[in-house]
Amino acid sequence: MNAEIRPVKTAAEIGFADLFATTRQSLPGGPRTKALRRDAFDRFVAQGLPNSRVEAWKYTDLRRLVRDAKPLAPRPGAEARTIARSAGAAFAGLDMRRLLIVNGAFVPELSDLAGLEPGISIRATAEALGADETVLPLEMAGTDPAAALNTALAADGVVITVGADVAVERPIHLVFVTTGTAPAAMFTRSRLEIGSGAAFTLVETHEGPDQSDYQVNAALQMNIGDKARLDHIKITGEGTAALHIATLEASIGAGADYREFGFAAGGAVVRNQMFLQLAGEGTNASVHQASLLSGRQHADTTLTIDHVAAGSQSREVFKAVVDDEARAVFQGRITVQPGAQQTDARMLARALLLSDDAVANCKPELEIFADDVQCGHGTTTGALDDQLKFYLMARGIPEKQAEALLIEAFVGEVIDAVAREDLRDALSRMMLVWLKGRE
């Protein structure tokens, strides 16, 4: 009789099983939500943490990188709330509505909920889960184990609803902040519903203390109505020892305009995975991202764009600046379905290596099942242009400053894609802070 061969479970996988067993009854949700959690965790157990043999995780082996499962972070007490008040300093002074998620829990009393514009609703994900609403399924992520783990353990976040034809003047700023030094894990789930014809800007920042060994698994779902416009800006600025895994799903309606900008500069291991579906005719989507990495940081951006209907357009530009022994990963796939004729899709990835030990892995892909399309992708990896650097130094500019000017120009092209000037300026200041750290 042949015995069934099962993979050896790692300490982290065993730890996640123990964590689910001890917390599942206390997580918010009625019978339907609890069943969804159980199914999701069963999917995670069947696969385990993804490793390099899983194509979508080829360059980010979580089975090796995740050594253990941290305990869930406790509800934020007085000290944590005091620390959180100063979070999001990079955007201080900008006129935005701040919503604080502290140690994985939405804190209304620290959030700006006064005077909400008509047609806007903001509430805690825990409240929606407590009412057994259908919040948890992540359909586009399929069987992805990181997304399944989020579904199993997500406890809180924010649910935002914007009504049809509502133009929201003030951007909403989701401030995710981790406090304290004890090892902890945060599983958050947020949802954004934008009605047809609405216009909205969402800023999302993640931060925490340096040298603190914490784990973040965050998911954000978006349903964007026909002819709506959404600008989404995400800043990953976690502490130097943090693990950050994030899943974004967006369904974008006909004639809608979706603009995504990502900026990754913090965290020890970062994985931002995005699943975008251009679900209607005449939909426009653009995704721009900049990663600034040093030390031994590992940052992975994995993107799937699915063109479903005719006449849609997508543009993706990813730029990474990699110093020391850091590693940047970009994986992008554009799929054009049979009915998506007259699709126009372009994808470009560029990496700038500042040291001999820096690594960049770029893997763009096209899957085209229609015959009347314009699609293309490209990737380049290289060092700073020595001639341009010499040109600047010959005019009296010190070497590090000359390098900073060239890097600033390289990244600035991506930052310029952000529509609002005040947000562009804040992002440029963040880039300058990173460049200052190289001096």
Protein backbone atom coordinates (compact mmCIF):
# COMPACT_ATOMS: atom_id res chain seq x y z
CA MET A 1 0.00 0.00 0.00
CA ASN A 2 1.43 3.35 -1.03
CA ALA A 3 1.21 6.04 1.62
CA GLU A 4 0.13 9.54 0.63
CA ILE A 5 3.12 11.88 0.38
CA ARG A 6 2.49 15.30 1.91
CA PRO A 7 4.91 18.22 2.06
CA VAL A 8 6.58 18.84 5.39
CA LYS A 9 4.90 21.73 7.15
CA THR A 10 7.12 24.61 8.14
CA ALA A 11 7.07 26.23 11.57
CA ALA A 12 5.23 29.20 10.06
CA GLU A 13 2.54 27.02 8.46
CA ILE A 14 2.01 25.17 11.73
CA GLY A 15 1.87 28.53 13.49
CA PHE A 16 -0.82 29.86 11.14
CA ALA A 17 -2.87 26.71 11.74
CA ASP A 18 -2.62 27.25 15.51
CA LEU A 19 -3.47 30.93 15.08
CA PHE A 20 -6.62 30.14 13.09
CA ALA A 21 -7.70 27.45 15.53
CA THR A 22 -7.38 29.75 18.55
CA THR A 23 -8.88 32.92 17.02
CA ARG A 24 -11.54 31.77 14.54
CA GLN A 25 -14.38 31.97 17.06
CA SER A 26 -13.46 35.48 18.14
CA LEU A 27 -13.14 36.91 14.61
CA PRO A 28 -16.17 38.97 13.51
CA GLY A 29 -18.76 37.34 11.30
CA GLY A 30 -21.96 35.32 11.21
CA PRO A 31 -22.47 31.80 9.86
CA ARG A 32 -21.82 32.71 6.22
CA THR A 33 -18.62 34.61 7.04
CA LYS A 34 -17.36 31.82 9.27
CA ALA A 35 -17.92 29.30 6.46
CA LEU A 36 -15.98 31.52 4.05
CA ARG A 37 -13.12 31.74 6.54
CA ARG A 38 -13.04 27.97 6.97
CA ASP A 39 -13.01 27.35 3.21
CA ALA A 40 -10.27 29.93 2.69
CA PHE A 41 -8.08 28.43 5.40
CA ASP A 42 -8.56 24.96 3.95
CA ARG A 43 -7.25 26.32 0.63
CA PHE A 44 -4.25 27.78 2.40
CA VAL A 45 -3.52 24.49 4.18
CA ALA A 46 -3.76 22.56 0.90
CA GLN A 47 -1.08 24.77 -0.67
CA GLY A 48 0.95 26.05 2.23
CA LEU A 49 3.09 29.14 1.96
CA PRO A 50 4.05 29.80 -1.67
CA ASN A 51 7.58 28.95 -2.77
CA SER A 52 9.75 29.35 -5.83
CA ARG A 53 8.07 26.39 -7.56
CA VAL A 54 4.83 28.39 -7.73
CA GLU A 55 5.14 30.47 -10.90
CA ALA A 56 3.37 33.56 -9.54
CA TRP A 57 5.74 33.50 -6.55
CA LYS A 58 8.86 32.44 -8.44
CA TYR A 59 11.04 35.21 -7.06
CA THR A 60 9.48 35.57 -3.59
CA ASP A 61 9.73 32.31 -1.68
CA LEU A 62 7.57 32.88 1.39
CA ARG A 63 8.24 29.37 2.61
CA ARG A 64 11.84 30.46 3.09
CA LEU A 65 11.26 34.11 4.00
CA VAL A 66 8.53 33.62 6.62
CA ARG A 67 10.05 31.84 9.60
CA ASP A 68 7.07 31.93 11.97
CA ALA A 69 3.52 33.15 12.46
CA LYS A 70 3.17 36.15 14.74
CA PRO A 71 0.29 36.47 17.23
CA LEU A 72 -2.54 38.81 16.24
CA ALA A 73 -1.91 42.35 17.41
CA PRO A 74 -4.05 43.40 20.39
CA ARG A 75 -6.58 46.19 20.12
CA PRO A 76 -4.77 49.56 20.30
CA GLY A 77 -4.55 50.96 23.81
CA ALA A 78 -3.86 54.52 24.94
CA GLU A 79 -0.15 54.42 24.13
CA ALA A 80 -0.72 53.01 20.65
CA ARG A 81 -3.34 55.65 19.92
CA THR A 82 -1.00 58.41 21.03
CA ILE A 83 1.71 57.15 18.66
CA ALA A 84 -0.79 56.80 15.83
CA ARG A 85 -1.83 60.45 16.00
CA SER A 86 1.44 61.48 14.38
CA ALA A 87 1.33 58.82 11.63
CA GLY A 88 1.26 59.84 7.98
CA ALA A 89 3.63 62.76 8.56
CA ALA A 90 4.75 62.73 4.92
CA PHE A 91 1.33 64.13 4.01
CA ALA A 92 1.02 66.53 6.93
CA GLY A 93 -0.61 69.80 5.94
CA LEU A 94 -2.48 68.34 2.97
CA ASP A 95 -6.25 68.72 3.04
CA MET A 96 -7.24 65.07 3.29
CA ARG A 97 -9.74 63.13 5.39
CA ARG A 98 -7.62 60.84 7.61
CA LEU A 99 -8.91 57.41 8.62
CA LEU A 100 -6.68 55.62 11.17
CA ILE A 101 -6.25 51.85 11.21
CA VAL A 102 -4.00 51.12 14.20
CA ASN A 103 -2.53 47.65 14.71
CA GLY A 104 -5.12 46.31 12.27
CA ALA A 105 -8.14 47.95 13.93
CA PHE A 106 -10.13 50.93 12.62
CA VAL A 107 -10.21 53.68 15.26
CA PRO A 108 -13.16 56.04 14.55
CA GLU A 109 -12.32 58.43 17.38
CA LEU A 110 -8.93 59.18 15.77
CA SER A 111 -10.45 59.49 12.30
CA ASP A 112 -11.91 62.48 10.52
CA LEU A 113 -15.55 61.45 10.11
CA ALA A 114 -17.20 64.81 10.68
CA GLY A 115 -19.10 66.52 7.90
CA LEU A 116 -19.11 63.67 5.40
CA GLU A 117 -20.26 64.80 1.98
CA PRO A 118 -23.73 63.57 0.95
CA GLY A 119 -23.46 60.21 -0.77
CA ILE A 120 -20.40 58.99 1.17
CA SER A 121 -20.50 56.25 3.78
CA ILE A 122 -17.56 55.12 5.95
CA ARG A 123 -17.71 52.27 8.45
CA ALA A 124 -15.54 49.60 9.99
CA THR A 125 -15.08 46.29 8.19
CA ALA A 126 -15.65 44.57 11.53
CA GLU A 127 -19.14 46.09 11.58
CA ALA A 128 -19.93 44.75 8.10
CA LEU A 129 -18.54 41.32 8.99
CA GLY A 130 -20.53 41.34 12.22
CA ALA A 131 -23.67 41.81 10.12
CA ASP A 132 -22.54 38.80 8.03
CA GLU A 133 -22.31 40.90 4.88
CA THR A 134 -20.45 39.47 1.89
CA VAL A 135 -17.14 41.28 2.34
CA LEU A 136 -14.50 38.58 2.34
CA PRO A 137 -14.41 36.74 -1.02
CA LEU A 138 -11.39 37.61 -3.19
CA GLU A 139 -12.49 36.29 -6.56
CA MET A 140 -9.74 37.51 -8.90
CA ALA A 141 -6.95 36.20 -6.70
CA GLY A 142 -8.22 32.68 -7.29
CA THR A 143 -6.41 30.17 -5.11
CA ASP A 144 -3.58 32.51 -4.11
CA PRO A 145 -2.50 31.33 -0.63
CA ALA A 146 -1.66 34.80 0.72
CA ALA A 147 -5.11 36.07 -0.26
CA ALA A 148 -6.72 32.96 1.24
CA LEU A 149 -4.90 33.56 4.51
CA ASN A 150 -6.18 37.13 4.56
CA THR A 151 -9.77 35.93 4.04
CA ALA A 152 -9.37 33.45 6.89
CA LEU A 153 -7.97 35.91 9.43
CA ALA A 154 -9.01 39.46 8.42
CA ALA A 155 -10.61 41.19 11.38
CA ASP A 156 -11.05 44.86 10.49
CA GLY A 157 -10.42 47.66 8.02
CA VAL A 158 -12.65 50.23 6.36
CA VAL A 159 -15.65 49.98 4.03
CA ILE A 160 -16.16 53.13 1.94
CA THR A 161 -19.14 53.72 -0.34
CA VAL A 162 -19.34 56.64 -2.77
CA GLY A 163 -22.71 57.20 -4.43
CA ALA A 164 -23.36 57.74 -8.13
CA ASP A 165 -22.19 61.07 -9.58
CA VAL A 166 -20.63 62.16 -6.27
CA ALA A 167 -17.45 64.21 -6.74
CA VAL A 168 -15.39 63.93 -3.56
CA GLU A 169 -13.25 67.05 -3.24
CA ARG A 170 -11.05 65.96 -0.31
CA PRO A 171 -8.98 62.83 -0.81
CA ILE A 172 -9.45 60.13 1.80
CA HIS A 173 -6.23 59.01 3.47
CA LEU A 174 -6.17 55.49 4.89
CA VAL A 175 -3.39 55.51 7.47
CA PHE A 176 -2.32 51.98 8.42
CA VAL A 177 0.10 52.19 11.33
CA THR A 178 1.76 49.54 13.47
CA THR A 179 2.95 50.54 16.94
CA GLY A 180 5.04 48.83 19.60
CA THR A 181 8.01 46.50 19.40
CA ALA A 182 6.47 43.13 20.30
CA PRO A 183 6.12 40.65 17.38
CA ALA A 184 2.61 40.93 15.95
CA ALA A 185 0.51 40.23 12.86
CA MET A 186 -2.17 42.39 11.25
CA PHE A 187 -4.75 41.05 8.78
CA THR A 188 -6.90 43.84 7.34
CA ARG A 189 -9.60 43.91 4.70
CA SER A 190 -10.95 47.12 3.19
CA ARG A 191 -13.53 47.67 0.48
CA LEU A 192 -14.32 50.58 -1.82
CA GLU A 193 -17.57 50.91 -3.76
CA ILE A 194 -17.68 53.80 -6.25
CA GLY A 195 -20.94 54.54 -8.02
CA SER A 196 -21.24 55.38 -11.70
CA GLY A 197 -19.98 58.83 -12.62
CA ALA A 198 -18.32 59.43 -9.23
CA ALA A 199 -14.84 60.94 -8.81
CA PHE A 200 -12.60 60.05 -5.90
CA THR A 201 -8.97 60.09 -4.71
CA LEU A 202 -7.78 57.50 -2.20
CA VAL A 203 -4.37 57.66 -0.51
CA GLU A 204 -3.19 54.59 1.39
CA THR A 205 -0.06 54.57 3.57
CA HIS A 206 1.51 51.79 5.66
CA GLU A 207 4.13 52.47 8.31
CA GLY A 208 5.59 51.05 11.49
CA PRO A 209 8.65 51.18 13.77
CA ASP A 210 12.08 50.15 12.56
CA GLN A 211 13.58 46.91 13.91
CA SER A 212 10.13 45.70 15.01
CA ASP A 213 9.40 42.15 13.80
CA TYR A 214 5.82 42.43 12.56
CA GLN A 215 3.79 41.04 9.66
CA VAL A 216 1.10 42.75 7.60
CA ASN A 217 -1.34 40.95 5.29
CA ALA A 218 -3.67 43.56 3.80
CA ALA A 219 -6.32 43.33 1.11
CA LEU A 220 -8.29 46.04 -0.68
CA GLN A 221 -11.25 45.37 -2.96
CA MET A 222 -12.58 48.00 -5.36
CA ASN A 223 -15.72 48.08 -7.47
CA ILE A 224 -15.57 51.09 -9.78
CA GLY A 225 -18.78 52.01 -11.58
CA ASP A 226 -19.25 53.04 -15.20
CA LYS A 227 -17.75 56.41 -16.13
CA ALA A 228 -16.31 56.84 -12.64
CA ARG A 229 -12.81 58.08 -11.89
CA LEU A 230 -10.52 56.82 -9.15
CA ASP A 231 -6.98 57.89 -8.32
CA HIS A 232 -5.37 55.45 -5.86
CA ILE A 233 -1.96 56.16 -4.34
CA LYS A 234 -0.32 53.58 -2.09
CA ILE A 235 2.84 54.18 -0.06
CA THR A 236 4.57 51.14 1.45
CA GLY A 237 6.81 52.59 4.13
CA GLU A 238 6.94 49.80 6.70
CA GLY A 239 9.68 49.40 9.30
CA THR A 240 13.03 47.92 8.38
CA ALA A 241 12.23 44.41 9.71
CA ALA A 242 8.61 44.18 8.57
CA LEU A 243 6.93 41.71 6.22
CA HIS A 244 4.23 43.35 4.08
CA ILE A 245 1.94 41.38 1.76
CA ALA A 246 -0.91 43.19 0.05
CA THR A 247 -3.58 42.09 -2.40
CA LEU A 248 -5.57 44.57 -4.48
CA GLU A 249 -8.57 43.62 -6.60
CA ALA A 250 -10.31 46.16 -8.82
CA SER A 251 -13.25 45.68 -11.16
CA ILE A 252 -13.43 48.73 -13.44
CA GLY A 253 -16.64 49.58 -15.29
CA ALA A 254 -17.31 50.84 -18.81
CA GLY A 255 -15.84 54.23 -19.65
CA ALA A 256 -14.22 54.49 -16.23
CA ASP A 257 -10.80 56.03 -15.60
CA TYR A 258 -8.61 54.25 -13.05
CA ARG A 259 -5.18 55.55 -12.07
CA GLU A 260 -2.92 53.61 -9.71
CA PHE A 261 0.37 54.84 -8.28
CA GLY A 262 2.57 52.83 -5.92
CA PHE A 263 5.64 53.93 -3.99
CA ALA A 264 7.64 51.29 -2.11
CA ALA A 265 10.57 52.28 0.06
CA GLY A 266 10.11 50.51 3.40
CA GLY A 267 9.88 46.99 4.75
CA ALA A 268 12.27 44.03 4.74
CA VAL A 269 10.07 41.89 2.48
CA VAL A 270 7.26 43.49 0.45
CA ARG A 271 4.86 41.86 -1.98
CA ASN A 272 2.23 44.06 -3.67
CA GLN A 273 0.02 41.93 -5.90
CA MET A 274 -2.69 43.52 -8.03
CA PHE A 275 -5.55 41.97 -9.97
CA LEU A 276 -7.31 44.44 -12.27
CA GLN A 277 -10.25 43.65 -14.52
CA LEU A 278 -11.25 46.14 -17.21
CA ALA A 279 -14.81 44.92 -17.25
CA GLY A 280 -16.51 47.38 -19.60
CA GLU A 281 -16.05 48.99 -22.99
CA GLY A 282 -13.90 52.08 -23.30
CA THR A 283 -12.24 51.64 -19.92
CA ASN A 284 -8.88 53.34 -19.24
CA ALA A 285 -6.41 52.16 -16.62
CA SER A 286 -2.89 53.27 -15.79
CA VAL A 287 -0.55 51.77 -13.22
CA HIS A 288 2.70 53.48 -12.28
CA GLN A 289 5.04 52.36 -9.53
CA ALA A 290 8.41 53.36 -8.12
CA SER A 291 10.49 51.20 -5.77
CA LEU A 292 13.51 52.61 -3.92
CA LEU A 293 15.43 49.80 -2.25
CA SER A 294 18.64 49.47 -0.26
CA GLY A 295 20.29 47.20 2.26
CA ARG A 296 18.86 43.70 1.84
CA GLN A 297 15.30 44.73 1.05
CA HIS A 298 13.16 42.53 -1.17
CA ALA A 299 10.22 44.16 -3.00
CA ASP A 300 7.93 42.27 -5.38
CA THR A 301 5.25 43.85 -7.57
CA THR A 302 3.07 41.30 -9.35
CA LEU A 303 0.31 42.58 -11.62
CA THR A 304 -2.44 40.90 -13.63
CA ILE A 305 -4.58 43.02 -15.97
CA ASP A 306 -7.56 41.36 -17.63
CA HIS A 307 -9.10 43.15 -20.64
CA VAL A 308 -12.62 41.73 -20.90
CA ALA A 309 -14.51 44.18 -23.14
CA ALA A 310 -13.76 46.01 -26.37
CA GLY A 311 -12.01 49.34 -26.76
CA SER A 312 -10.17 49.47 -23.44
CA GLN A 313 -6.71 50.91 -22.82
CA SER A 314 -4.07 50.20 -20.17
CA ARG A 315 -0.63 51.66 -19.48
CA GLU A 316 1.82 50.25 -16.93
CA VAL A 317 5.20 51.74 -16.04
CA PHE A 318 7.36 50.31 -13.25
CA LYS A 319 10.69 51.72 -12.15
CA ALA A 320 12.99 50.35 -9.49
CA VAL A 321 16.16 51.84 -8.01
CA VAL A 322 18.13 49.08 -6.30
CA ASP A 323 21.17 49.65 -4.10
CA ASP A 324 23.43 47.47 -1.92
CA GLU A 325 22.17 43.84 -1.83
CA ALA A 326 18.50 44.65 -2.38
CA ARG A 327 16.27 42.87 -4.86
CA ALA A 328 13.42 44.24 -6.97
CA VAL A 329 10.89 41.97 -8.65
CA PHE A 330 8.34 42.88 -11.28
CA GLN A 331 5.95 40.37 -12.82
CA GLY A 332 3.24 41.68 -15.10
CA ARG A 333 0.69 39.89 -17.22
CA ILE A 334 -1.77 41.47 -19.64
CA THR A 335 -4.58 39.18 -20.80
CA VAL A 336 -6.85 40.16 -23.70
CA GLN A 337 -10.01 38.07 -23.76
CA PRO A 338 -11.68 36.96 -27.05
CA GLY A 339 -14.31 39.71 -26.93
CA ALA A 340 -11.85 42.52 -26.13
CA GLN A 341 -11.20 43.71 -29.66
CA GLN A 342 -9.44 47.06 -30.21
CA THR A 343 -7.57 46.75 -26.93
CA ASP A 344 -4.55 49.04 -26.56
CA ALA A 345 -2.20 47.81 -23.82
CA ARG A 346 1.42 48.72 -23.04
CA MET A 347 3.69 47.58 -20.23
CA LEU A 348 7.21 48.80 -19.41
CA ALA A 349 9.55 47.85 -16.56
CA ARG A 350 12.92 49.51 -15.92
CA ALA A 351 15.41 48.87 -13.15
CA LEU A 352 18.41 50.96 -12.16
CA LEU A 353 21.11 49.02 -10.31
CA LEU A 354 23.40 51.09 -8.09
CA SER A 355 25.68 48.30 -6.89
CA ASP A 356 27.23 45.10 -8.19
CA ASP A 357 25.24 43.08 -5.65
CA ALA A 358 21.83 44.59 -6.47
CA VAL A 359 19.36 42.34 -8.31
CA ALA A 360 16.32 43.01 -10.50
CA ASN A 361 13.99 40.35 -11.90
CA CYS A 362 11.54 41.53 -14.55
CA LYS A 363 9.01 39.24 -16.24
CA PRO A 364 6.36 40.92 -18.41
CA GLU A 365 3.89 38.69 -20.27
CA LEU A 366 1.11 38.98 -22.84
CA GLU A 367 -1.79 36.57 -23.38
CA ILE A 368 -3.85 37.66 -26.37
CA PHE A 369 -7.02 35.90 -27.53
CA ALA A 370 -8.26 38.62 -29.90
CA ASP A 371 -6.93 39.63 -33.33
CA ASP A 372 -7.63 43.38 -33.50
CA VAL A 373 -5.37 44.72 -30.75
CA GLN A 374 -2.27 46.80 -30.11
CA CYS A 375 -0.21 45.35 -27.27
CA GLY A 376 3.41 45.51 -26.29
CA HIS A 377 5.79 45.13 -23.39
CA GLY A 378 9.43 45.83 -22.67
CA THR A 379 12.01 45.76 -19.92
CA THR A 380 15.47 47.22 -19.36
CA THR A 381 17.97 46.84 -16.52
CA GLY A 382 21.22 48.74 -16.18
CA ALA A 383 23.44 51.09 -14.21
CA LEU A 384 23.62 54.88 -14.15
CA ASP A 385 24.80 56.43 -17.39
CA ASP A 386 28.50 57.13 -16.84
CA GLN A 387 28.60 59.82 -19.52
CA LEU A 388 25.74 61.77 -17.98
CA LYS A 389 27.29 61.36 -14.55
CA PHE A 390 30.67 62.58 -15.83
CA TYR A 391 28.94 65.54 -17.54
CA LEU A 392 27.46 66.65 -14.20
CA MET A 393 30.67 66.09 -12.24
CA ALA A 394 32.68 68.03 -14.84
CA ARG A 395 30.56 71.02 -13.92
CA GLY A 396 31.52 70.86 -10.28
CA ILE A 397 28.71 68.68 -8.94
CA PRO A 398 29.92 66.12 -6.35
CA GLU A 399 29.56 62.47 -7.31
CA LYS A 400 26.76 61.57 -4.87
CA GLN A 401 24.81 64.68 -5.82
CA ALA A 402 25.26 63.88 -9.52
CA GLU A 403 23.94 60.38 -8.91
CA ALA A 404 21.00 61.81 -6.96
CA LEU A 405 20.06 64.11 -9.84
CA LEU A 406 20.06 61.21 -12.31
CA ILE A 407 18.01 59.01 -9.97
CA GLU A 408 15.59 61.86 -9.34
CA ALA A 409 15.03 62.25 -13.07
CA PHE A 410 14.58 58.47 -13.49
CA VAL A 411 11.93 58.22 -10.76
CA GLY A 412 10.39 61.63 -11.37
CA GLU A 413 8.95 60.48 -14.67
CA VAL A 414 6.74 58.05 -12.76
CA ILE A 415 5.77 60.50 -10.02
CA ASP A 416 4.65 62.96 -12.69
CA ALA A 417 1.79 60.55 -13.49
CA VAL A 418 0.06 61.55 -10.23
CA ALA A 419 -2.69 64.02 -11.06
CA ARG A 420 -2.72 66.22 -7.94
CA GLU A 421 0.18 68.63 -7.55
CA ASP A 422 0.17 68.53 -3.73
CA LEU A 423 0.48 64.74 -3.76
CA ARG A 424 3.24 64.88 -6.39
CA ASP A 425 5.17 67.30 -4.19
CA ALA A 426 4.79 65.03 -1.14
CA LEU A 427 6.02 62.02 -3.11
CA SER A 428 8.98 63.99 -4.44
CA ARG A 429 9.93 64.90 -0.87
CA MET A 430 9.81 61.23 0.10
CA MET A 431 12.12 60.40 -2.79
CA LEU A 432 14.55 63.12 -1.68
CA VAL A 433 14.60 61.69 1.86
CA TRP A 434 15.63 58.30 0.43
CA LEU A 435 18.31 59.91 -1.71
CA LYS A 436 19.61 61.82 1.31
CA GLY A 437 20.10 58.47 3.05
CA ARG A 438 22.63 57.46 0.37
CA GLU A 439 24.96 60.37 1.15
